[in-house]
C-alpha atoms as a PDB file:
ATOM      1  CA  MET A   1       1.704  -8.067  -0.463  1.00  0.00           C
ATOM      2  CA  SER A   2       1.961 -11.822   0.459  1.00  0.00           C
ATOM      3  CA  PHE A   3       4.867 -11.294   0.991  1.00  0.00           C
ATOM      4  CA  TYR A   4       4.224  -8.879   4.004  1.00  0.00           C
ATOM      5  CA  THR A   5       1.584 -10.685   5.116  1.00  0.00           C
ATOM      6  CA  SER A   6       3.788 -13.760   6.032  1.00  0.00           C
ATOM      7  CA  VAL A   7       5.822 -11.350   7.367  1.00  0.00           C
ATOM      8  CA  SER A   8       3.056  -9.888  10.211  1.00  0.00           C
ATOM      9  CA  GLY A   9       2.138 -13.373  10.509  1.00  0.00           C
ATOM     10  CA  ALA A  10       6.646 -14.320  11.317  1.00  0.00           C
ATOM     11  CA  ARG A  11       6.788 -10.969  13.487  1.00  0.00           C
ATOM     12  CA  GLY A  12       3.180 -12.150  15.351  1.00  0.00           C
ATOM     13  CA  ALA A  13       4.560 -16.026  16.143  1.00  0.00           C
ATOM     14  CA  GLN A  14       8.245 -13.801  17.186  1.00  0.00           C
ATOM     15  CA  ALA A  15       6.107 -11.668  19.872  1.00  0.00           C
ATOM     16  CA  GLU A  16       3.994 -14.590  21.102  1.00  0.00           C
ATOM     17  CA  ILE A  17       7.364 -16.939  21.447  1.00  0.00           C
ATOM     18  CA  ALA A  18       9.032 -14.085  23.471  1.00  0.00           C
ATOM     19  CA  THR A  19       5.831 -14.249  25.596  1.00  0.00           C
ATOM     20  CA  ILE A  20       5.855 -17.684  26.625  1.00  0.00           C
ATOM     21  CA  SER A  21       9.640 -18.064  27.497  1.00  0.00           C
ATOM     22  CA  ASN A  22       9.100 -15.076  29.318  1.00  0.00           C
ATOM     23  CA  ASN A  23       6.420 -17.421  31.433  1.00  0.00           C
ATOM     24  CA  LEU A  24       8.584 -20.247  31.136  1.00  0.00           C
ATOM     25  CA  ALA A  25      11.779 -18.235  32.464  1.00  0.00           C
ATOM     26  CA  ASN A  26       9.537 -17.007  35.633  1.00  0.00           C
ATOM     27  CA  ALA A  27       7.354 -20.142  36.279  1.00  0.00           C
ATOM     28  CA  GLN A  28       9.625 -20.698  40.044  1.00  0.00           C
ATOM     29  CA  THR A  29       9.262 -16.584  40.712  1.00  0.00           C
ATOM     30  CA  THR A  30       6.960 -16.037  43.457  1.00  0.00           C
ATOM     31  CA  GLY A  31       3.940 -14.103  42.644  1.00  0.00           C
ATOM     32  CA  PHE A  32       4.852 -13.937  39.358  1.00  0.00           C
ATOM     33  CA  LYS A  33       2.068 -12.981  36.561  1.00  0.00           C
ATOM     34  CA  LYS A  34       2.023 -14.810  33.516  1.00  0.00           C
ATOM     35  CA  SER A  35       1.239 -13.135  29.824  1.00  0.00           C
ATOM     36  CA  ARG A  36      -0.581 -13.658  26.768  1.00  0.00           C
ATOM     37  CA  VAL A  37      -0.430 -12.330  23.635  1.00  0.00           C
ATOM     38  CA  GLU A  38      -3.444 -10.848  22.077  1.00  0.00           C
ATOM     39  CA  PHE A  39      -3.576 -10.304  17.967  1.00  0.00           C
ATOM     40  CA  GLY A  40      -6.373  -9.336  15.560  1.00  0.00           C
ATOM     41  CA  ASP A  41      -6.668  -9.131  11.904  1.00  0.00           C
ATOM     42  CA  LEU A  42      -5.492  -6.753   9.289  1.00  0.00           C
ATOM     43  CA  PHE A  43      -7.935  -6.329   6.606  1.00  0.00           C
ATOM     44  CA  SER A  44      -9.208  -2.756   4.591  1.00  0.00           C
ATOM     45  CA  SER A  45     -11.113  -2.504   1.355  1.00  0.00           C
ATOM     46  CA  THR A  46     -12.721   0.671  -0.663  1.00  0.00           C
ATOM     47  CA  PRO A  47     -15.793   1.325  -1.427  1.00  0.00           C
ATOM     48  CA  ALA A  48     -15.062   0.144  -5.102  1.00  0.00           C
ATOM     49  CA  GLN A  49     -14.020  -3.425  -4.188  1.00  0.00           C
ATOM     50  CA  ILE A  50     -15.792  -6.069  -3.417  1.00  0.00           C
ATOM     51  CA  PHE A  51     -15.071  -7.362   0.161  1.00  0.00           C
ATOM     52  CA  ARG A  52     -15.748 -11.031  -1.059  1.00  0.00           C
ATOM     53  CA  GLN A  53     -12.825 -10.925  -2.809  1.00  0.00           C
ATOM     54  CA  VAL A  54     -10.215  -8.665  -0.767  1.00  0.00           C
ATOM     55  CA  PRO A  55      -7.743 -11.144   1.053  1.00  0.00           C
ATOM     56  CA  GLY A  56      -6.992 -10.320   4.540  1.00  0.00           C
ATOM     57  CA  GLN A  57      -3.376  -8.424   4.920  1.00  0.00           C
ATOM     58  CA  GLY A  58      -1.959 -10.129   8.111  1.00  0.00           C
ATOM     59  CA  VAL A  59      -2.113  -9.846  11.751  1.00  0.00           C
ATOM     60  CA  ARG A  60      -0.614  -7.364  14.192  1.00  0.00           C
ATOM     61  CA  VAL A  61      -0.398  -7.931  18.265  1.00  0.00           C
ATOM     62  CA  MET A  62      -2.862  -6.518  19.763  1.00  0.00           C
ATOM     63  CA  GLY A  63      -1.398  -5.932  23.299  1.00  0.00           C
ATOM     64  CA  VAL A  64       0.417  -8.425  25.836  1.00  0.00           C
ATOM     65  CA  MET A  65      -1.985  -9.403  28.283  1.00  0.00           C
ATOM     66  CA  GLN A  66      -1.442 -10.564  32.132  1.00  0.00           C
ATOM     67  CA  GLN A  67      -3.022 -12.605  33.494  1.00  0.00           C
ATOM     68  CA  PHE A  68      -3.743 -12.359  37.456  1.00  0.00           C
ATOM     69  CA  SER A  69      -5.199 -15.823  37.997  1.00  0.00           C
ATOM     70  CA  GLN A  70      -4.757 -17.281  41.311  1.00  0.00           C
ATOM     71  CA  GLY A  71      -1.473 -19.402  41.665  1.00  0.00           C
ATOM     72  CA  THR A  72      -0.785 -21.776  44.031  1.00  0.00           C
ATOM     73  CA  LEU A  73       0.185 -21.481  47.419  1.00  0.00           C
ATOM     74  CA  SER A  74       3.049 -23.476  48.803  1.00  0.00           C
ATOM     75  CA  THR A  75       3.256 -23.939  52.736  1.00  0.00           C
ATOM     76  CA  THR A  76       6.621 -22.514  54.581  1.00  0.00           C
ATOM     77  CA  ASP A  77       7.770 -21.979  57.878  1.00  0.00           C
ATOM     78  CA  LYS A  78       7.858 -18.519  58.154  1.00  0.00           C
ATOM     79  CA  ALA A  79       5.421 -16.374  60.081  1.00  0.00           C
ATOM     80  CA  LEU A  80       6.321 -13.748  57.815  1.00  0.00           C
ATOM     81  CA  ASP A  81       5.532 -15.432  54.408  1.00  0.00           C
ATOM     82  CA  LEU A  82       2.151 -14.385  53.514  1.00  0.00           C
ATOM     83  CA  GLY A  83       0.420 -15.219  50.353  1.00  0.00           C
ATOM     84  CA  ILE A  84      -3.444 -13.744  49.166  1.00  0.00           C
ATOM     85  CA  ALA A  85      -6.141 -16.459  48.426  1.00  0.00           C
ATOM     86  CA  GLY A  86      -8.076 -13.773  46.521  1.00  0.00           C
ATOM     87  CA  GLU A  87      -7.553 -10.736  44.205  1.00  0.00           C
ATOM     88  CA  GLY A  88      -5.810  -8.250  46.880  1.00  0.00           C
ATOM     89  CA  PHE A  89      -2.494  -7.106  46.326  1.00  0.00           C
ATOM     90  CA  PHE A  90       0.115  -5.992  49.024  1.00  0.00           C
ATOM     91  CA  VAL A  91       1.163  -1.881  49.644  1.00  0.00           C
ATOM     92  CA  VAL A  92       4.566  -1.623  50.149  1.00  0.00           C
ATOM     93  CA  LYS A  93       6.210   1.690  50.125  1.00  0.00           C
ATOM     94  CA  SER A  94      10.029   1.849  48.801  1.00  0.00           C
ATOM     95  CA  ALA A  95      12.785   3.739  51.647  1.00  0.00           C
ATOM     96  CA  PRO A  96      12.906   7.659  51.792  1.00  0.00           C
ATOM     97  CA  PRO A  97      13.566   9.702  50.135  1.00  0.00           C
ATOM     98  CA  THR A  98      12.246   8.110  47.026  1.00  0.00           C
ATOM     99  CA  ASP A  99       9.271   6.940  49.399  1.00  0.00           C
ATOM    100  CA  GLU A 100       7.536   5.233  45.958  1.00  0.00           C
ATOM    101  CA  THR A 101       4.292   3.541  46.512  1.00  0.00           C
ATOM    102  CA  SER A 102       4.209  -0.311  44.515  1.00  0.00           C
ATOM    103  CA  TYR A 103       1.433  -3.306  44.840  1.00  0.00           C
ATOM    104  CA  THR A 104       3.218  -6.930  45.102  1.00  0.00           C
ATOM    105  CA  ARG A 105       1.531 -10.577  45.162  1.00  0.00           C
ATOM    106  CA  ALA A 106       4.879 -11.665  45.954  1.00  0.00           C
ATOM    107  CA  GLY A 107       4.605 -11.880  50.278  1.00  0.00           C
ATOM    108  CA  ALA A 108       8.152 -13.366  50.920  1.00  0.00           C
ATOM    109  CA  PHE A 109       8.903 -10.320  53.723  1.00  0.00           C
ATOM    110  CA  SER A 110      11.754 -10.472  56.575  1.00  0.00           C
ATOM    111  CA  VAL A 111      12.690  -7.921  58.853  1.00  0.00           C
ATOM    112  CA  ASP A 112      15.972  -5.673  58.237  1.00  0.00           C
ATOM    113  CA  ALA A 113      18.036  -3.933  60.689  1.00  0.00           C
ATOM    114  CA  ASN A 114      16.111  -0.884  61.216  1.00  0.00           C
ATOM    115  CA  ARG A 115      13.242  -3.447  62.243  1.00  0.00           C
ATOM    116  CA  PHE A 116      11.116  -2.792  59.136  1.00  0.00           C
ATOM    117  CA  VAL A 117       8.971  -5.878  57.137  1.00  0.00           C
ATOM    118  CA  ILE A 118      10.430  -5.632  53.675  1.00  0.00           C
ATOM    119  CA  ASP A 119       9.755  -7.482  50.755  1.00  0.00           C
ATOM    120  CA  THR A 120      12.876  -8.971  48.742  1.00  0.00           C
ATOM    121  CA  THR A 121      13.224  -5.346  47.022  1.00  0.00           C
ATOM    122  CA  GLY A 122      13.512  -3.828  50.352  1.00  0.00           C
ATOM    123  CA  SER A 123      10.277  -1.973  50.071  1.00  0.00           C
ATOM    124  CA  ARG A 124       8.553  -1.395  53.175  1.00  0.00           C
ATOM    125  CA  LEU A 125       4.993  -3.403  54.152  1.00  0.00           C
ATOM    126  CA  GLN A 126       2.639  -1.187  55.125  1.00  0.00           C
ATOM    127  CA  LEU A 127       0.085  -1.435  57.540  1.00  0.00           C
ATOM    128  CA  MET A 128      -3.758   0.285  58.660  1.00  0.00           C
ATOM    129  CA  PRO A 129      -4.363   1.218  62.389  1.00  0.00           C
ATOM    130  CA  VAL A 130      -6.824  -0.704  64.457  1.00  0.00           C
ATOM    131  CA  ASP A 131      -8.950  -0.030  67.688  1.00  0.00           C
ATOM    132  CA  ALA A 132      -8.610  -2.223  70.418  1.00  0.00           C
ATOM    133  CA  GLN A 133     -10.964  -4.555  68.941  1.00  0.00           C
ATOM    134  CA  GLY A 134      -9.105  -4.810  65.578  1.00  0.00           C
ATOM    135  CA  ASN A 135     -11.074  -2.907  63.738  1.00  0.00           C
ATOM    136  CA  VAL A 136      -9.723  -0.860  60.829  1.00  0.00           C
ATOM    137  CA  THR A 137      -9.977   3.023  61.529  1.00  0.00           C
ATOM    138  CA  SER A 138      -8.406   4.554  58.663  1.00  0.00           C
ATOM    139  CA  THR A 139      -7.199   3.381  55.287  1.00  0.00           C
ATOM    140  CA  THR A 140      -3.836   5.469  55.323  1.00  0.00           C
ATOM    141  CA  THR A 141      -1.172   3.249  55.771  1.00  0.00           C
ATOM    142  CA  PHE A 142       1.841   3.757  57.636  1.00  0.00           C
ATOM    143  CA  ASP A 143       5.356   0.692  57.892  1.00  0.00           C
ATOM    144  CA  PHE A 144       5.501  -1.901  59.497  1.00  0.00           C
ATOM    145  CA  VAL A 145       8.098  -2.079  61.949  1.00  0.00           C
ATOM    146  CA  MET A 146       8.551  -4.906  64.197  1.00  0.00           C
ATOM    147  CA  PRO A 147       8.971  -4.368  68.134  1.00  0.00           C
ATOM    148  CA  THR A 148      11.852  -6.102  70.274  1.00  0.00           C
ATOM    149  CA  VAL A 149       9.772  -5.543  73.542  1.00  0.00           C
ATOM    150  CA  SER A 150       6.436  -4.130  75.224  1.00  0.00           C
ATOM    151  CA  ALA A 151       5.362  -0.968  74.519  1.00  0.00           C
ATOM    152  CA  ASN A 152       4.210  -1.466  78.282  1.00  0.00           C
ATOM    153  CA  ASN A 153       6.906  -3.770  79.273  1.00  0.00           C
ATOM    154  CA  PRO A 154      10.102  -2.842  78.614  1.00  0.00           C
ATOM    155  CA  ASN A 155      11.448  -5.787  80.343  1.00  0.00           C
ATOM    156  CA  ALA A 156       8.933  -8.372  78.613  1.00  0.00           C
ATOM    157  CA  ALA A 157      11.062  -9.451  75.137  1.00  0.00           C
ATOM    158  CA  LEU A 158       9.105 -10.296  71.591  1.00  0.00           C
ATOM    159  CA  THR A 159       8.521 -13.914  71.234  1.00  0.00           C
ATOM    160  CA  SER A 160       6.568 -14.190  68.125  1.00  0.00           C
ATOM    161  CA  VAL A 161       4.041 -12.896  65.961  1.00  0.00           C
ATOM    162  CA  THR A 162       1.024 -14.042  64.029  1.00  0.00           C
ATOM    163  CA  ILE A 163      -0.751 -12.342  61.187  1.00  0.00           C
ATOM    164  CA  GLY A 164      -4.579 -13.447  61.074  1.00  0.00           C
ATOM    165  CA  LEU A 165      -6.813 -14.388  58.000  1.00  0.00           C
ATOM    166  CA  ASP A 166      -7.791 -10.827  58.238  1.00  0.00           C
ATOM    167  CA  GLY A 167      -4.385  -9.792  58.247  1.00  0.00           C
ATOM    168  CA  LEU A 168      -3.811  -8.591  62.000  1.00  0.00           C
ATOM    169  CA  ALA A 169      -0.296  -8.331  63.165  1.00  0.00           C
ATOM    170  CA  LYS A 170      -0.488  -9.332  66.720  1.00  0.00           C
ATOM    171  CA  CYS A 171       2.265  -9.560  68.505  1.00  0.00           C
ATOM    172  CA  ASN A 172       2.961 -11.731  71.430  1.00  0.00           C
ATOM    173  CA  PHE A 173       5.694 -10.774  74.738  1.00  0.00           C
ATOM    174  CA  SER A 174       7.574 -12.922  76.986  1.00  0.00           C
ATOM    175  CA  ASP A 175       5.207 -11.820  79.926  1.00  0.00           C
ATOM    176  CA  GLY A 176       2.265 -13.204  77.820  1.00  0.00           C
ATOM    177  CA  SER A 177       0.902  -9.834  76.726  1.00  0.00           C
ATOM    178  CA  THR A 178       0.173  -9.120  73.507  1.00  0.00           C
ATOM    179  CA  GLN A 179      -0.241  -6.072  70.911  1.00  0.00           C
ATOM    180  CA  ASP A 180      -2.308  -5.352  67.766  1.00  0.00           C
ATOM    181  CA  LEU A 181       0.210  -3.463  65.268  1.00  0.00           C
ATOM    182  CA  GLY A 182      -2.318  -3.138  62.696  1.00  0.00           C
ATOM    183  CA  LYS A 183      -3.914  -4.811  59.949  1.00  0.00           C
ATOM    184  CA  VAL A 184      -1.883  -6.085  56.278  1.00  0.00           C
ATOM    185  CA  ALA A 185      -3.321  -3.244  53.695  1.00  0.00           C
ATOM    186  CA  LEU A 186      -4.338  -4.746  50.665  1.00  0.00           C
ATOM    187  CA  ALA A 187      -5.208  -2.909  47.556  1.00  0.00           C
ATOM    188  CA  SER A 188      -7.405  -3.713  44.403  1.00  0.00           C
ATOM    189  CA  PHE A 189      -8.231  -1.955  41.465  1.00  0.00           C
ATOM    190  CA  PRO A 190     -11.109  -1.650  38.875  1.00  0.00           C
ATOM    191  CA  SER A 191      -8.783  -3.288  35.677  1.00  0.00           C
ATOM    192  CA  GLN A 192      -5.999  -5.667  36.980  1.00  0.00           C
ATOM    193  CA  GLU A 193      -4.933  -5.834  33.572  1.00  0.00           C
ATOM    194  CA  GLY A 194      -3.975  -2.422  33.287  1.00  0.00           C
ATOM    195  CA  LEU A 195      -1.349  -2.031  35.730  1.00  0.00           C
ATOM    196  CA  ARG A 196       1.760  -1.832  34.926  1.00  0.00           C
ATOM    197  CA  PRO A 197       4.680  -4.242  35.599  1.00  0.00           C
ATOM    198  CA  MET A 198       8.193  -3.218  37.121  1.00  0.00           C
ATOM    199  CA  GLY A 199       9.576  -5.837  37.379  1.00  0.00           C
ATOM    200  CA  ASP A 200      10.205  -8.457  40.620  1.00  0.00           C
ATOM    201  CA  ALA A 201       6.402  -9.236  40.571  1.00  0.00           C
ATOM    202  CA  HIS A 202       5.678  -4.975  41.379  1.00  0.00           C
ATOM    203  CA  TRP A 203       2.812  -3.278  40.062  1.00  0.00           C
ATOM    204  CA  GLN A 204       2.029   0.490  39.464  1.00  0.00           C
ATOM    205  CA  PRO A 205      -1.064   1.590  38.848  1.00  0.00           C
ATOM    206  CA  THR A 206      -1.831   3.549  35.337  1.00  0.00           C
ATOM    207  CA  ASP A 207      -5.442   5.332  33.647  1.00  0.00           C
ATOM    208  CA  PHE A 208      -5.706   1.952  32.450  1.00  0.00           C
ATOM    209  CA  SER A 209      -6.471   0.082  35.624  1.00  0.00           C
ATOM    210  CA  GLY A 210      -7.733   2.893  37.890  1.00  0.00           C
ATOM    211  CA  PRO A 211      -6.743   4.029  41.504  1.00  0.00           C
ATOM    212  CA  PRO A 212      -6.327   1.779  43.456  1.00  0.00           C
ATOM    213  CA  THR A 213      -8.677   1.133  46.939  1.00  0.00           C
ATOM    214  CA  VAL A 214      -7.179  -0.211  50.005  1.00  0.00           C
ATOM    215  CA  ALA A 215      -8.823  -2.255  52.691  1.00  0.00           C
ATOM    216  CA  ALA A 216      -8.530  -5.078  54.841  1.00  0.00           C
ATOM    217  CA  ALA A 217      -8.158  -8.944  54.131  1.00  0.00           C
ATOM    218  CA  SER A 218     -11.766 -10.492  53.812  1.00  0.00           C
ATOM    219  CA  THR A 219     -13.348  -7.553  52.433  1.00  0.00           C
ATOM    220  CA  GLY A 220     -15.027  -8.196  49.161  1.00  0.00           C
ATOM    221  CA  ALA A 221     -13.202  -9.585  46.305  1.00  0.00           C
ATOM    222  CA  LEU A 222      -9.543  -8.921  48.281  1.00  0.00           C
ATOM    223  CA  GLY A 223      -9.483 -12.625  49.752  1.00  0.00           C
ATOM    224  CA  GLU A 224      -7.789 -13.713  52.670  1.00  0.00           C
ATOM    225  CA  ILE A 225      -3.914 -13.598  54.216  1.00  0.00           C
ATOM    226  CA  ARG A 226      -2.574 -16.692  54.788  1.00  0.00           C
ATOM    227  CA  ALA A 227       0.812 -16.768  56.581  1.00  0.00           C
ATOM    228  CA  GLY A 228       3.156 -19.677  56.231  1.00  0.00           C
ATOM    229  CA  THR A 229       2.977 -19.834  52.265  1.00  0.00           C
ATOM    230  CA  LEU A 230       4.154 -18.204  49.158  1.00  0.00           C
ATOM    231  CA  GLU A 231       2.029 -17.653  45.632  1.00  0.00           C
ATOM    232  CA  ARG A 232       3.638 -19.748  43.291  1.00  0.00           C
ATOM    233  CA  ALA A 233       3.521 -17.644  39.757  1.00  0.00           C
ATOM    234  CA  ASN A 234       0.175 -19.332  37.790  1.00  0.00           C
ATOM    235  CA  VAL A 235       2.327 -20.668  34.958  1.00  0.00           C
ATOM    236  CA  GLU A 236       1.383 -24.731  33.800  1.00  0.00           C
ATOM    237  CA  VAL A 237       4.857 -25.453  32.368  1.00  0.00           C
ATOM    238  CA  THR A 238       3.033 -28.273  30.416  1.00  0.00           C
ATOM    239  CA  GLU A 239       0.621 -25.927  29.183  1.00  0.00           C
ATOM    240  CA  GLU A 240       3.070 -23.373  28.163  1.00  0.00           C
ATOM    241  CA  MET A 241       5.519 -25.718  26.531  1.00  0.00           C
ATOM    242  CA  VAL A 242       2.139 -26.828  24.336  1.00  0.00           C
ATOM    243  CA  ALA A 243       1.475 -23.022  23.531  1.00  0.00           C
ATOM    244  CA  LEU A 244       5.567 -22.817  22.736  1.00  0.00           C
ATOM    245  CA  ILE A 245       5.626 -25.252  19.991  1.00  0.00           C
ATOM    246  CA  ALA A 246       2.003 -24.519  18.162  1.00  0.00           C
ATOM    247  CA  ALA A 247       3.778 -20.379  18.362  1.00  0.00           C
ATOM    248  CA  GLN A 248       6.912 -21.934  16.585  1.00  0.00           C
ATOM    249  CA  ARG A 249       4.661 -23.959  14.060  1.00  0.00           C
ATOM    250  CA  ASN A 250       3.036 -20.879  13.234  1.00  0.00           C
ATOM    251  CA  PHE A 251       6.622 -19.047  12.433  1.00  0.00           C
ATOM    252  CA  GLN A 252       7.921 -21.995  10.380  1.00  0.00           C
ATOM    253  CA  ALA A 253       4.221 -21.690   8.438  1.00  0.00           C
ATOM    254  CA  ASN A 254       5.105 -18.293   7.999  1.00  0.00           C
ATOM    255  CA  ALA A 255       8.520 -18.757   6.900  1.00  0.00           C
ATOM    256  CA  LYS A 256       7.415 -21.648   4.156  1.00  0.00           C
ATOM    257  CA  ALA A 257       4.848 -19.067   2.836  1.00  0.00           C
ATOM    258  CA  LEU A 258       7.589 -16.199   2.922  1.00  0.00           C
ATOM    259  CA  ASP A 259       9.920 -18.765   0.895  1.00  0.00           C
ATOM    260  CA  ALA A 260       6.990 -20.018  -1.897  1.00  0.00           C
ATOM    261  CA  GLU A 261       6.469 -15.875  -2.067  1.00  0.00           C
ATOM    262  CA  SER A 262      10.311 -15.708  -2.947  1.00  0.00           C
ATOM    263  CA  THR A 263      10.463 -18.759  -5.780  1.00  0.00           C
ATOM    264  CA  MET A 264       7.016 -17.660  -7.515  1.00  0.00           C
ATOM    265  CA  SER A 265       8.956 -13.539  -7.513  1.00  0.00           C
ATOM    266  CA  GLN A 266      12.081 -15.293  -9.210  1.00  0.00           C
ATOM    267  CA  THR A 267      10.255 -17.574 -11.653  1.00  0.00           C
ATOM    268  CA  ILE A 268       8.413 -14.497 -13.056  1.00  0.00           C
ATOM    269  CA  ILE A 269      11.303 -12.308 -12.933  1.00  0.00           C
ATOM    270  CA  ASN A 270      13.075 -15.327 -15.374  1.00  0.00           C
ATOM    271  CA  ILE A 271       9.965 -15.571 -17.625  1.00  0.00           C
ATOM    272  CA  ARG A 272       9.964 -11.778 -18.109  1.00  0.00           C
END
């Protein structure tokens, strides 16, 4: 029985080492969120047994839980680099015909050949419509398309775009006019830990996360949008290295226990 107990401990240590290794590998990935292994002990007894005399039967991995703590916002020189100081997620949608919606904290956006504002996977950033005062009129989202000229003056070329703390995207033109395109859509979830990772710092909702609630920045816990910044991975390398050493020692200890069990079994066989 102790053999299987030690095997479960070694497997648990392997799972923790794999998780920590993934965290370290993505320490420089924009918008990445680290994970942590949750363990549970194995224990069972029958009514005829005295529970105080029953040893545990090992450990099992309860789950690998994502940690959505805030990452450091680092300053860049690009207007379309967006960071979120809060709990919100950018809403992005893949190009037709898939039109698949996903959610991300990686705000490295750029403009493609068709003037769509896209992230590093090619998914299009979503906006919400606003009125003349800049107030959101609907939570129905649409693709962020960067104009080249003013809608009111075809001779006025686009000079710059600014995105405010509330996510309002405002274009400035050569004739001095401005145009509000909409507000960047942010989403929140009842349980962030229940989101399904898709890779490339993108997530999709599940039954465990609950459905998304879409709103503008500066609403509730969604947080503010900081233009000209990117959110770094929430991985503290020193902390992860310490955890890696501890997991490695845990694996070695269980390996020693397996070796001791093997030696004892061989001794008993030789006696017989």
